[in-house]
Amino acid sequence: MGSFGKPLPDRNRLAYSTSKTAVNMMTVQFDMEFRTENWNIKINSVNPGPAKTYMTNNKEGYPPPTQAARAIVCGATLPHDGPSGVFFDPENNKIPCKLLVRRKNLNQSWLIPV
């Protein structure tokens, strides 16, 4: 679990990478379900990027948490006709994804970038 740039996980970040993958899949699954039910709810994920916090050992060069918060606020305050089922990067670019295959009998899904 992790990025394509570093396919083998750092053992110390395995739980973190796995949880982020789960959040991404939940975003797509909930979006599909809510659209099917015609519920007027938007489901998106935001990657605020790294920030200079205790989690990053206050690494120099990382932006302050207030900058990361801007991406989160932007994702949370989308207009009524805004996107759903997408991921936002730290610069608020939309990264749409879709399910490649969904096998109901096996409870398996694969997520790919579009």
PDB file of N, CA and C in Angstrom:
ATOM      1  N   MET A   1       0.841  -1.164   0.000  1.00  0.00           N
ATOM      2  CA  MET A   1       0.000   0.000   0.000  1.00  0.00           C
ATOM      3  C   MET A   1       0.890   1.231   0.000  1.00  0.00           C
ATOM      4  N   GLY A   2       0.568   2.172  -0.806  1.00  0.00           N
ATOM      5  CA  GLY A   2       1.344   3.399  -0.851  1.00  0.00           C
ATOM      6  C   GLY A   2       1.294   3.984  -2.242  1.00  0.00           C
ATOM      7  N   SER A   3       2.317   4.726  -2.582  1.00  0.00           N
ATOM      8  CA  SER A   3       2.322   5.396  -3.875  1.00  0.00           C
ATOM      9  C   SER A   3       2.955   4.513  -4.940  1.00  0.00           C
ATOM     10  N   PHE A   4       2.726   4.886  -6.205  1.00  0.00           N
ATOM     11  CA  PHE A   4       3.372   4.168  -7.291  1.00  0.00           C
ATOM     12  C   PHE A   4       4.871   4.440  -7.298  1.00  0.00           C
ATOM     13  N   GLY A   5       5.280   5.575  -6.749  1.00  0.00           N
ATOM     14  CA  GLY A   5       6.690   5.925  -6.699  1.00  0.00           C
ATOM     15  C   GLY A   5       7.471   5.080  -5.715  1.00  0.00           C
ATOM     16  N   LYS A   6       6.806   4.591  -4.710  1.00  0.00           N
ATOM     17  CA  LYS A   6       7.452   3.749  -3.707  1.00  0.00           C
ATOM     18  C   LYS A   6       6.485   2.617  -3.372  1.00  0.00           C
ATOM     19  N   PRO A   7       6.408   1.589  -4.229  1.00  0.00           N
ATOM     20  CA  PRO A   7       5.396   0.556  -4.063  1.00  0.00           C
ATOM     21  C   PRO A   7       5.543  -0.293  -2.809  1.00  0.00           C
ATOM     22  N   LEU A   8       6.743  -0.453  -2.307  1.00  0.00           N
ATOM     23  CA  LEU A   8       6.911  -1.236  -1.090  1.00  0.00           C
ATOM     24  C   LEU A   8       6.779  -0.320   0.114  1.00  0.00           C
ATOM     25  N   PRO A   9       5.910  -0.682   1.057  1.00  0.00           N
ATOM     26  CA  PRO A   9       5.642   0.223   2.174  1.00  0.00           C
ATOM     27  C   PRO A   9       6.786   0.297   3.170  1.00  0.00           C
ATOM     28  N   ASP A  10       6.896   1.440   3.759  1.00  0.00           N
ATOM     29  CA  ASP A  10       7.754   1.615   4.917  1.00  0.00           C
ATOM     30  C   ASP A  10       7.003   0.952   6.065  1.00  0.00           C
ATOM     31  N   ARG A  11       7.632   0.028   6.756  1.00  0.00           N
ATOM     32  CA  ARG A  11       6.929  -0.701   7.814  1.00  0.00           C
ATOM     33  C   ARG A  11       6.282   0.223   8.829  1.00  0.00           C
ATOM     34  N   ASN A  12       6.891   1.359   9.070  1.00  0.00           N
ATOM     35  CA  ASN A  12       6.345   2.283  10.049  1.00  0.00           C
ATOM     36  C   ASN A  12       5.101   3.002   9.537  1.00  0.00           C
ATOM     37  N   ARG A  13       4.846   2.943   8.239  1.00  0.00           N
ATOM     38  CA  ARG A  13       3.703   3.661   7.664  1.00  0.00           C
ATOM     39  C   ARG A  13       2.662   2.719   7.072  1.00  0.00           C
ATOM     40  N   LEU A  14       2.777   1.434   7.338  1.00  0.00           N
ATOM     41  CA  LEU A  14       1.849   0.473   6.752  1.00  0.00           C
ATOM     42  C   LEU A  14       0.406   0.765   7.163  1.00  0.00           C
ATOM     43  N   ALA A  15       0.160   0.989   8.435  1.00  0.00           N
ATOM     44  CA  ALA A  15      -1.207   1.272   8.896  1.00  0.00           C
ATOM     45  C   ALA A  15      -1.716   2.577   8.292  1.00  0.00           C
ATOM     46  N   TYR A  16      -0.861   3.579   8.212  1.00  0.00           N
ATOM     47  CA  TYR A  16      -1.255   4.872   7.640  1.00  0.00           C
ATOM     48  C   TYR A  16      -1.641   4.711   6.174  1.00  0.00           C
ATOM     49  N   SER A  17      -0.791   4.061   5.393  1.00  0.00           N
ATOM     50  CA  SER A  17      -1.069   3.871   3.963  1.00  0.00           C
ATOM     51  C   SER A  17      -2.328   3.044   3.746  1.00  0.00           C
ATOM     52  N   THR A  18      -2.497   2.009   4.540  1.00  0.00           N
ATOM     53  CA  THR A  18      -3.672   1.157   4.418  1.00  0.00           C
ATOM     54  C   THR A  18      -4.944   1.928   4.737  1.00  0.00           C
ATOM     55  N   SER A  19      -4.899   2.753   5.774  1.00  0.00           N
ATOM     56  CA  SER A  19      -6.096   3.519   6.140  1.00  0.00           C
ATOM     57  C   SER A  19      -6.448   4.538   5.060  1.00  0.00           C
ATOM     58  N   LYS A  20      -5.453   5.136   4.427  1.00  0.00           N
ATOM     59  CA  LYS A  20      -5.728   6.100   3.359  1.00  0.00           C
ATOM     60  C   LYS A  20      -6.344   5.404   2.150  1.00  0.00           C
ATOM     61  N   THR A  21      -5.884   4.216   1.839  1.00  0.00           N
ATOM     62  CA  THR A  21      -6.468   3.444   0.749  1.00  0.00           C
ATOM     63  C   THR A  21      -7.924   3.123   1.053  1.00  0.00           C
ATOM     64  N   ALA A  22      -8.206   2.771   2.295  1.00  0.00           N
ATOM     65  CA  ALA A  22      -9.585   2.480   2.700  1.00  0.00           C
ATOM     66  C   ALA A  22     -10.468   3.720   2.569  1.00  0.00           C
ATOM     67  N   VAL A  23      -9.966   4.877   2.959  1.00  0.00           N
ATOM     68  CA  VAL A  23     -10.743   6.118   2.834  1.00  0.00           C
ATOM     69  C   VAL A  23     -11.052   6.402   1.365  1.00  0.00           C
ATOM     70  N   ASN A  24     -10.088   6.201   0.495  1.00  0.00           N
ATOM     71  CA  ASN A  24     -10.311   6.428  -0.934  1.00  0.00           C
ATOM     72  C   ASN A  24     -11.406   5.512  -1.475  1.00  0.00           C
ATOM     73  N   MET A  25     -11.361   4.248  -1.111  1.00  0.00           N
ATOM     74  CA  MET A  25     -12.375   3.303  -1.575  1.00  0.00           C
ATOM     75  C   MET A  25     -13.741   3.646  -0.991  1.00  0.00           C
ATOM     76  N   MET A  26     -13.782   4.046   0.268  1.00  0.00           N
ATOM     77  CA  MET A  26     -15.056   4.436   0.876  1.00  0.00           C
ATOM     78  C   MET A  26     -15.657   5.640   0.160  1.00  0.00           C
ATOM     79  N   THR A  27     -14.818   6.565  -0.267  1.00  0.00           N
ATOM     80  CA  THR A  27     -15.302   7.738  -0.995  1.00  0.00           C
ATOM     81  C   THR A  27     -16.061   7.312  -2.243  1.00  0.00           C
ATOM     82  N   VAL A  28     -15.481   6.427  -3.008  1.00  0.00           N
ATOM     83  CA  VAL A  28     -16.114   5.971  -4.245  1.00  0.00           C
ATOM     84  C   VAL A  28     -17.362   5.145  -3.948  1.00  0.00           C
ATOM     85  N   GLN A  29     -17.270   4.241  -2.983  1.00  0.00           N
ATOM     86  CA  GLN A  29     -18.409   3.375  -2.662  1.00  0.00           C
ATOM     87  C   GLN A  29     -19.602   4.186  -2.162  1.00  0.00           C
ATOM     88  N   PHE A  30     -19.365   5.122  -1.226  1.00  0.00           N
ATOM     89  CA  PHE A  30     -20.462   5.943  -0.709  1.00  0.00           C
ATOM     90  C   PHE A  30     -21.053   6.821  -1.806  1.00  0.00           C
ATOM     91  N   ASP A  31     -20.205   7.386  -2.650  1.00  0.00           N
ATOM     92  CA  ASP A  31     -20.706   8.217  -3.743  1.00  0.00           C
ATOM     93  C   ASP A  31     -21.632   7.405  -4.646  1.00  0.00           C
ATOM     94  N   MET A  32     -21.218   6.202  -4.999  1.00  0.00           N
ATOM     95  CA  MET A  32     -22.050   5.347  -5.852  1.00  0.00           C
ATOM     96  C   MET A  32     -23.373   5.017  -5.169  1.00  0.00           C
ATOM     97  N   GLU A  33     -23.308   4.679  -3.889  1.00  0.00           N
ATOM     98  CA  GLU A  33     -24.524   4.320  -3.157  1.00  0.00           C
ATOM     99  C   GLU A  33     -25.477   5.512  -3.053  1.00  0.00           C
ATOM    100  N   PHE A  34     -24.961   6.671  -2.706  1.00  0.00           N
ATOM    101  CA  PHE A  34     -25.816   7.846  -2.532  1.00  0.00           C
ATOM    102  C   PHE A  34     -26.427   8.295  -3.856  1.00  0.00           C
ATOM    103  N   ARG A  35     -25.676   8.153  -4.948  1.00  0.00           N
ATOM    104  CA  ARG A  35     -26.241   8.486  -6.265  1.00  0.00           C
ATOM    105  C   ARG A  35     -27.364   7.507  -6.626  1.00  0.00           C
ATOM    106  N   THR A  36     -27.149   6.220  -6.334  1.00  0.00           N
ATOM    107  CA  THR A  36     -28.156   5.201  -6.615  1.00  0.00           C
ATOM    108  C   THR A  36     -29.445   5.479  -5.855  1.00  0.00           C
ATOM    109  N   GLU A  37     -29.309   5.929  -4.625  1.00  0.00           N
ATOM    110  CA  GLU A  37     -30.476   6.216  -3.780  1.00  0.00           C
ATOM    111  C   GLU A  37     -31.041   7.617  -4.029  1.00  0.00           C
ATOM    112  N   ASN A  38     -30.410   8.376  -4.926  1.00  0.00           N
ATOM    113  CA  ASN A  38     -30.818   9.759  -5.219  1.00  0.00           C
ATOM    114  C   ASN A  38     -30.783  10.658  -3.990  1.00  0.00           C
ATOM    115  N   TRP A  39     -29.826  10.414  -3.123  1.00  0.00           N
ATOM    116  CA  TRP A  39     -29.641  11.281  -1.963  1.00  0.00           C
ATOM    117  C   TRP A  39     -28.793  12.463  -2.403  1.00  0.00           C
ATOM    118  N   ASN A  40     -29.123  13.612  -1.959  1.00  0.00           N
ATOM    119  CA  ASN A  40     -28.405  14.823  -2.357  1.00  0.00           C
ATOM    120  C   ASN A  40     -27.249  15.087  -1.388  1.00  0.00           C
ATOM    121  N   ILE A  41     -26.305  14.155  -1.364  1.00  0.00           N
ATOM    122  CA  ILE A  41     -25.146  14.254  -0.473  1.00  0.00           C
ATOM    123  C   ILE A  41     -23.889  14.085  -1.313  1.00  0.00           C
ATOM    124  N   LYS A  42     -22.923  14.950  -1.124  1.00  0.00           N
ATOM    125  CA  LYS A  42     -21.646  14.854  -1.838  1.00  0.00           C
ATOM    126  C   LYS A  42     -20.628  14.130  -0.963  1.00  0.00           C
ATOM    127  N   ILE A  43     -19.881  13.236  -1.586  1.00  0.00           N
ATOM    128  CA  ILE A  43     -18.846  12.479  -0.886  1.00  0.00           C
ATOM    129  C   ILE A  43     -17.532  12.708  -1.620  1.00  0.00           C
ATOM    130  N   ASN A  44     -16.582  13.324  -0.950  1.00  0.00           N
ATOM    131  CA  ASN A  44     -15.263  13.582  -1.526  1.00  0.00           C
ATOM    132  C   ASN A  44     -14.195  13.351  -0.469  1.00  0.00           C
ATOM    133  N   SER A  45     -12.972  13.190  -0.910  1.00  0.00           N
ATOM    134  CA  SER A  45     -11.817  13.078  -0.015  1.00  0.00           C
ATOM    135  C   SER A  45     -10.851  14.209  -0.323  1.00  0.00           C
ATOM    136  N   VAL A  46     -10.127  14.633   0.683  1.00  0.00           N
ATOM    137  CA  VAL A  46      -9.152  15.713   0.519  1.00  0.00           C
ATOM    138  C   VAL A  46      -7.800  15.243   1.043  1.00  0.00           C
ATOM    139  N   ASN A  47      -6.778  15.425   0.228  1.00  0.00           N
ATOM    140  CA  ASN A  47      -5.403  15.214   0.669  1.00  0.00           C
ATOM    141  C   ASN A  47      -4.829  16.596   0.936  1.00  0.00           C
ATOM    142  N   PRO A  48      -4.745  17.007   2.198  1.00  0.00           N
ATOM    143  CA  PRO A  48      -4.261  18.357   2.481  1.00  0.00           C
ATOM    144  C   PRO A  48      -2.756  18.510   2.316  1.00  0.00           C
ATOM    145  N   GLY A  49      -2.059  17.401   2.087  1.00  0.00           N
ATOM    146  CA  GLY A  49      -0.607  17.465   1.954  1.00  0.00           C
ATOM    147  C   GLY A  49       0.075  17.514   3.310  1.00  0.00           C
ATOM    148  N   PRO A  50       1.389  17.461   3.310  1.00  0.00           N
ATOM    149  CA  PRO A  50       2.112  17.502   4.581  1.00  0.00           C
ATOM    150  C   PRO A  50       2.048  18.896   5.196  1.00  0.00           C
ATOM    151  N   ALA A  51       2.152  18.936   6.485  1.00  0.00           N
ATOM    152  CA  ALA A  51       2.181  20.213   7.203  1.00  0.00           C
ATOM    153  C   ALA A  51       3.217  20.115   8.315  1.00  0.00           C
ATOM    154  N   LYS A  52       3.719  21.224   8.703  1.00  0.00           N
ATOM    155  CA  LYS A  52       4.735  21.276   9.752  1.00  0.00           C
ATOM    156  C   LYS A  52       4.048  21.071  11.108  1.00  0.00           C
ATOM    157  N   THR A  53       3.972  19.801  11.519  1.00  0.00           N
ATOM    158  CA  THR A  53       3.335  19.425  12.778  1.00  0.00           C
ATOM    159  C   THR A  53       4.185  18.373  13.478  1.00  0.00           C
ATOM    160  N   TYR A  54       3.726  17.943  14.635  1.00  0.00           N
ATOM    161  CA  TYR A  54       4.453  16.899  15.355  1.00  0.00           C
ATOM    162  C   TYR A  54       4.501  15.614  14.537  1.00  0.00           C
ATOM    163  N   MET A  55       3.471  15.360  13.703  1.00  0.00           N
ATOM    164  CA  MET A  55       3.422  14.134  12.909  1.00  0.00           C
ATOM    165  C   MET A  55       4.549  14.082  11.877  1.00  0.00           C
ATOM    166  N   THR A  56       5.002  15.244  11.415  1.00  0.00           N
ATOM    167  CA  THR A  56       6.104  15.311  10.452  1.00  0.00           C
ATOM    168  C   THR A  56       7.391  15.783  11.124  1.00  0.00           C
ATOM    169  N   ASN A  57       7.421  15.681  12.443  1.00  0.00           N
ATOM    170  CA  ASN A  57       8.582  16.122  13.230  1.00  0.00           C
ATOM    171  C   ASN A  57       8.919  17.586  12.973  1.00  0.00           C
ATOM    172  N   ASN A  58       7.874  18.400  12.730  1.00  0.00           N
ATOM    173  CA  ASN A  58       8.049  19.837  12.479  1.00  0.00           C
ATOM    174  C   ASN A  58       9.118  20.119  11.425  1.00  0.00           C
ATOM    175  N   LYS A  59       9.094  19.309  10.379  1.00  0.00           N
ATOM    176  CA  LYS A  59      10.101  19.403   9.322  1.00  0.00           C
ATOM    177  C   LYS A  59      10.093  20.779   8.663  1.00  0.00           C
ATOM    178  N   GLU A  60      11.272  21.359   8.572  1.00  0.00           N
ATOM    179  CA  GLU A  60      11.421  22.656   7.902  1.00  0.00           C
ATOM    180  C   GLU A  60      11.055  22.507   6.429  1.00  0.00           C
ATOM    181  N   GLY A  61      10.442  23.515   5.882  1.00  0.00           N
ATOM    182  CA  GLY A  61      10.056  23.496   4.476  1.00  0.00           C
ATOM    183  C   GLY A  61       8.615  23.066   4.259  1.00  0.00           C
ATOM    184  N   TYR A  62       8.018  22.393   5.242  1.00  0.00           N
ATOM    185  CA  TYR A  62       6.609  22.037   5.124  1.00  0.00           C
ATOM    186  C   TYR A  62       5.768  23.256   5.472  1.00  0.00           C
ATOM    187  N   PRO A  63       4.620  23.425   4.824  1.00  0.00           N
ATOM    188  CA  PRO A  63       3.768  24.578   5.125  1.00  0.00           C
ATOM    189  C   PRO A  63       3.117  24.442   6.500  1.00  0.00           C
ATOM    190  N   PRO A  64       2.639  25.551   7.038  1.00  0.00           N
ATOM    191  CA  PRO A  64       1.971  25.496   8.337  1.00  0.00           C
ATOM    192  C   PRO A  64       0.621  24.780   8.220  1.00  0.00           C
ATOM    193  N   PRO A  65       0.094  24.273   9.320  1.00  0.00           N
ATOM    194  CA  PRO A  65      -1.197  23.583   9.290  1.00  0.00           C
ATOM    195  C   PRO A  65      -2.328  24.441   8.720  1.00  0.00           C
ATOM    196  N   THR A  66      -2.236  25.750   8.874  1.00  0.00           N
ATOM    197  CA  THR A  66      -3.294  26.617   8.340  1.00  0.00           C
ATOM    198  C   THR A  66      -3.402  26.500   6.827  1.00  0.00           C
ATOM    199  N   GLN A  67      -2.279  26.270   6.153  1.00  0.00           N
ATOM    200  CA  GLN A  67      -2.314  26.108   4.697  1.00  0.00           C
ATOM    201  C   GLN A  67      -2.976  24.783   4.330  1.00  0.00           C
ATOM    202  N   ALA A  68      -2.650  23.724   5.061  1.00  0.00           N
ATOM    203  CA  ALA A  68      -3.286  22.429   4.811  1.00  0.00           C
ATOM    204  C   ALA A  68      -4.786  22.511   5.074  1.00  0.00           C
ATOM    205  N   ALA A  69      -5.169  23.303   6.064  1.00  0.00           N
ATOM    206  CA  ALA A  69      -6.587  23.441   6.401  1.00  0.00           C
ATOM    207  C   ALA A  69      -7.383  24.073   5.264  1.00  0.00           C
ATOM    208  N   ARG A  70      -6.753  24.905   4.463  1.00  0.00           N
ATOM    209  CA  ARG A  70      -7.462  25.549   3.344  1.00  0.00           C
ATOM    210  C   ARG A  70      -8.030  24.512   2.373  1.00  0.00           C
ATOM    211  N   ALA A  71      -7.248  23.470   2.093  1.00  0.00           N
ATOM    212  CA  ALA A  71      -7.721  22.420   1.183  1.00  0.00           C
ATOM    213  C   ALA A  71      -8.930  21.704   1.776  1.00  0.00           C
ATOM    214  N   ILE A  72      -8.906  21.480   3.072  1.00  0.00           N
ATOM    215  CA  ILE A  72     -10.021  20.803   3.737  1.00  0.00           C
ATOM    216  C   ILE A  72     -11.270  21.678   3.705  1.00  0.00           C
ATOM    217  N   VAL A  73     -11.108  22.954   4.016  1.00  0.00           N
ATOM    218  CA  VAL A  73     -12.250  23.877   4.003  1.00  0.00           C
ATOM    219  C   VAL A  73     -12.833  23.983   2.598  1.00  0.00           C
ATOM    220  N   CYS A  74     -11.978  24.042   1.595  1.00  0.00           N
ATOM    221  CA  CYS A  74     -12.452  24.119   0.208  1.00  0.00           C
ATOM    222  C   CYS A  74     -13.293  22.889  -0.133  1.00  0.00           C
ATOM    223  N   GLY A  75     -12.819  21.716   0.245  1.00  0.00           N
ATOM    224  CA  GLY A  75     -13.568  20.490  -0.026  1.00  0.00           C
ATOM    225  C   GLY A  75     -14.876  20.413   0.731  1.00  0.00           C
ATOM    226  N   ALA A  76     -14.921  21.014   1.909  1.00  0.00           N
ATOM    227  CA  ALA A  76     -16.128  20.959   2.740  1.00  0.00           C
ATOM    228  C   ALA A  76     -17.158  22.017   2.368  1.00  0.00           C
ATOM    229  N   THR A  77     -16.784  22.985   1.558  1.00  0.00           N
ATOM    230  CA  THR A  77     -17.706  24.077   1.229  1.00  0.00           C
ATOM    231  C   THR A  77     -17.958  24.175  -0.275  1.00  0.00           C
ATOM    232  N   LEU A  78     -18.040  23.041  -0.923  1.00  0.00           N
ATOM    233  CA  LEU A  78     -18.300  23.016  -2.365  1.00  0.00           C
ATOM    234  C   LEU A  78     -19.696  23.550  -2.667  1.00  0.00           C
ATOM    235  N   PRO A  79     -19.881  24.132  -3.840  1.00  0.00           N
ATOM    236  CA  PRO A  79     -21.221  24.587  -4.215  1.00  0.00           C
ATOM    237  C   PRO A  79     -22.168  23.406  -4.426  1.00  0.00           C
ATOM    238  N   HIS A  80     -23.442  23.710  -4.456  1.00  0.00           N
ATOM    239  CA  HIS A  80     -24.475  22.679  -4.613  1.00  0.00           C
ATOM    240  C   HIS A  80     -24.226  21.807  -5.848  1.00  0.00           C
ATOM    241  N   ASP A  81     -23.750  22.402  -6.924  1.00  0.00           N
ATOM    242  CA  ASP A  81     -23.511  21.651  -8.158  1.00  0.00           C
ATOM    243  C   ASP A  81     -22.063  21.175  -8.275  1.00  0.00           C
ATOM    244  N   GLY A  82     -21.339  21.169  -7.160  1.00  0.00           N
ATOM    245  CA  GLY A  82     -19.941  20.743  -7.157  1.00  0.00           C
ATOM    246  C   GLY A  82     -19.786  19.245  -7.361  1.00  0.00           C
ATOM    247  N   PRO A  83     -18.548  18.787  -7.476  1.00  0.00           N
ATOM    248  CA  PRO A  83     -18.285  17.380  -7.766  1.00  0.00           C
ATOM    249  C   PRO A  83     -18.547  16.474  -6.566  1.00  0.00           C
ATOM    250  N   SER A  84     -18.677  15.199  -6.864  1.00  0.00           N
ATOM    251  CA  SER A  84     -18.811  14.175  -5.835  1.00  0.00           C
ATOM    252  C   SER A  84     -18.076  12.933  -6.314  1.00  0.00           C
ATOM    253  N   GLY A  85     -17.504  12.183  -5.381  1.00  0.00           N
ATOM    254  CA  GLY A  85     -16.775  10.972  -5.729  1.00  0.00           C
ATOM    255  C   GLY A  85     -15.380  11.238  -6.246  1.00  0.00           C
ATOM    256  N   VAL A  86     -14.795  12.354  -5.845  1.00  0.00           N
ATOM    257  CA  VAL A  86     -13.444  12.686  -6.305  1.00  0.00           C
ATOM    258  C   VAL A  86     -12.527  12.930  -5.110  1.00  0.00           C
ATOM    259  N   PHE A  87     -11.252  12.977  -5.400  1.00  0.00           N
ATOM    260  CA  PHE A  87     -10.225  13.276  -4.409  1.00  0.00           C
ATOM    261  C   PHE A  87      -9.598  14.607  -4.782  1.00  0.00           C
ATOM    262  N   PHE A  88      -9.364  15.432  -3.803  1.00  0.00           N
ATOM    263  CA  PHE A  88      -8.719  16.721  -4.025  1.00  0.00           C
ATOM    264  C   PHE A  88      -7.296  16.649  -3.501  1.00  0.00           C
ATOM    265  N   ASP A  89      -6.343  17.137  -4.309  1.00  0.00           N
ATOM    266  CA  ASP A  89      -4.961  17.194  -3.854  1.00  0.00           C
ATOM    267  C   ASP A  89      -4.754  18.491  -3.070  1.00  0.00           C
ATOM    268  N   PRO A  90      -3.552  18.726  -2.541  1.00  0.00           N
ATOM    269  CA  PRO A  90      -3.327  19.928  -1.728  1.00  0.00           C
ATOM    270  C   PRO A  90      -3.603  21.243  -2.453  1.00  0.00           C
ATOM    271  N   GLU A  91      -3.546  21.252  -3.786  1.00  0.00           N
ATOM    272  CA  GLU A  91      -3.824  22.473  -4.552  1.00  0.00           C
ATOM    273  C   GLU A  91      -5.280  22.529  -5.008  1.00  0.00           C
ATOM    274  N   ASN A  92      -6.120  21.671  -4.441  1.00  0.00           N
ATOM    275  CA  ASN A  92      -7.551  21.588  -4.761  1.00  0.00           C
ATOM    276  C   ASN A  92      -7.833  21.161  -6.193  1.00  0.00           C
ATOM    277  N   ASN A  93      -6.906  20.418  -6.799  1.00  0.00           N
ATOM    278  CA  ASN A  93      -7.161  19.813  -8.104  1.00  0.00           C
ATOM    279  C   ASN A  93      -8.000  18.562  -7.899  1.00  0.00           C
ATOM    280  N   LYS A  94      -8.993  18.358  -8.756  1.00  0.00           N
ATOM    281  CA  LYS A  94      -9.822  17.163  -8.671  1.00  0.00           C
ATOM    282  C   LYS A  94      -9.084  15.992  -9.302  1.00  0.00           C
ATOM    283  N   ILE A  95      -9.098  14.863  -8.614  1.00  0.00           N
ATOM    284  CA  ILE A  95      -8.526  13.634  -9.140  1.00  0.00           C
ATOM    285  C   ILE A  95      -9.652  12.607  -9.134  1.00  0.00           C
ATOM    286  N   PRO A  96     -10.419  12.491 -10.234  1.00  0.00           N
ATOM    287  CA  PRO A  96     -11.541  11.552 -10.250  1.00  0.00           C
ATOM    288  C   PRO A  96     -11.053  10.117 -10.276  1.00  0.00           C
ATOM    289  N   CYS A  97     -11.804   9.240  -9.669  1.00  0.00           N
ATOM    290  CA  CYS A  97     -11.495   7.815  -9.679  1.00  0.00           C
ATOM    291  C   CYS A  97     -12.775   7.050  -9.964  1.00  0.00           C
ATOM    292  N   LYS A  98     -12.621   5.821 -10.353  1.00  0.00           N
ATOM    293  CA  LYS A  98     -13.791   4.978 -10.581  1.00  0.00           C
ATOM    294  C   LYS A  98     -13.440   3.557 -10.189  1.00  0.00           C
ATOM    295  N   LEU A  99     -14.464   2.760 -10.048  1.00  0.00           N
ATOM    296  CA  LEU A  99     -14.244   1.353  -9.771  1.00  0.00           C
ATOM    297  C   LEU A  99     -13.936   0.641 -11.076  1.00  0.00           C
ATOM    298  N   LEU A 100     -12.856  -0.091 -11.089  1.00  0.00           N
ATOM    299  CA  LEU A 100     -12.497  -0.855 -12.277  1.00  0.00           C
ATOM    300  C   LEU A 100     -13.395  -2.084 -12.378  1.00  0.00           C
ATOM    301  N   VAL A 101     -13.501  -2.806 -11.301  1.00  0.00           N
ATOM    302  CA  VAL A 101     -14.300  -4.028 -11.270  1.00  0.00           C
ATOM    303  C   VAL A 101     -14.987  -4.091  -9.919  1.00  0.00           C
ATOM    304  N   ARG A 102     -16.213  -4.536  -9.931  1.00  0.00           N
ATOM    305  CA  ARG A 102     -16.908  -4.732  -8.667  1.00  0.00           C
ATOM    306  C   ARG A 102     -17.590  -6.089  -8.736  1.00  0.00           C
ATOM    307  N   ARG A 103     -17.152  -6.990  -7.913  1.00  0.00           N
ATOM    308  CA  ARG A 103     -17.721  -8.328  -7.877  1.00  0.00           C
ATOM    309  C   ARG A 103     -18.510  -8.479  -6.587  1.00  0.00           C
ATOM    310  N   LYS A 104     -19.818  -8.433  -6.689  1.00  0.00           N
ATOM    311  CA  LYS A 104     -20.657  -8.482  -5.497  1.00  0.00           C
ATOM    312  C   LYS A 104     -20.511  -9.803  -4.755  1.00  0.00           C
ATOM    313  N   ASN A 105     -20.420 -10.897  -5.477  1.00  0.00           N
ATOM    314  CA  ASN A 105     -20.331 -12.200  -4.823  1.00  0.00           C
ATOM    315  C   ASN A 105     -19.052 -12.367  -4.023  1.00  0.00           C
ATOM    316  N   LEU A 106     -17.993 -11.724  -4.463  1.00  0.00           N
ATOM    317  CA  LEU A 106     -16.704 -11.874  -3.792  1.00  0.00           C
ATOM    318  C   LEU A 106     -16.383 -10.702  -2.878  1.00  0.00           C
ATOM    319  N   ASN A 107     -17.239  -9.678  -2.875  1.00  0.00           N
ATOM    320  CA  ASN A 107     -16.993  -8.487  -2.049  1.00  0.00           C
ATOM    321  C   ASN A 107     -15.653  -7.844  -2.372  1.00  0.00           C
ATOM    322  N   GLN A 108     -15.284  -7.808  -3.640  1.00  0.00           N
ATOM    323  CA  GLN A 108     -14.007  -7.230  -4.039  1.00  0.00           C
ATOM    324  C   GLN A 108     -14.235  -6.050  -4.971  1.00  0.00           C
ATOM    325  N   SER A 109     -13.417  -5.033  -4.812  1.00  0.00           N
ATOM    326  CA  SER A 109     -13.463  -3.875  -5.697  1.00  0.00           C
ATOM    327  C   SER A 109     -12.044  -3.406  -5.947  1.00  0.00           C
ATOM    328  N   TRP A 110     -11.815  -2.838  -7.124  1.00  0.00           N
ATOM    329  CA  TRP A 110     -10.524  -2.252  -7.444  1.00  0.00           C
ATOM    330  C   TRP A 110     -10.743  -0.809  -7.833  1.00  0.00           C
ATOM    331  N   LEU A 111      -9.920   0.054  -7.341  1.00  0.00           N
ATOM    332  CA  LEU A 111     -10.036   1.482  -7.601  1.00  0.00           C
ATOM    333  C   LEU A 111      -8.900   1.919  -8.507  1.00  0.00           C
ATOM    334  N   ILE A 112      -9.229   2.657  -9.575  1.00  0.00           N
ATOM    335  CA  ILE A 112      -8.188   3.156 -10.469  1.00  0.00           C
ATOM    336  C   ILE A 112      -8.412   4.639 -10.726  1.00  0.00           C
ATOM    337  N   PRO A 113      -7.334   5.393 -10.919  1.00  0.00           N
ATOM    338  CA  PRO A 113      -7.495   6.792 -11.316  1.00  0.00           C
ATOM    339  C   PRO A 113      -8.038   6.870 -12.735  1.00  0.00           C
ATOM    340  N   VAL A 114      -8.841   7.863 -13.000  1.00  0.00           N
ATOM    341  CA  VAL A 114      -9.395   8.055 -14.341  1.00  0.00           C
ATOM    342  C   VAL A 114      -8.489   8.982 -15.107  1.00  0.00           C
TER     343      VAL A 114
END
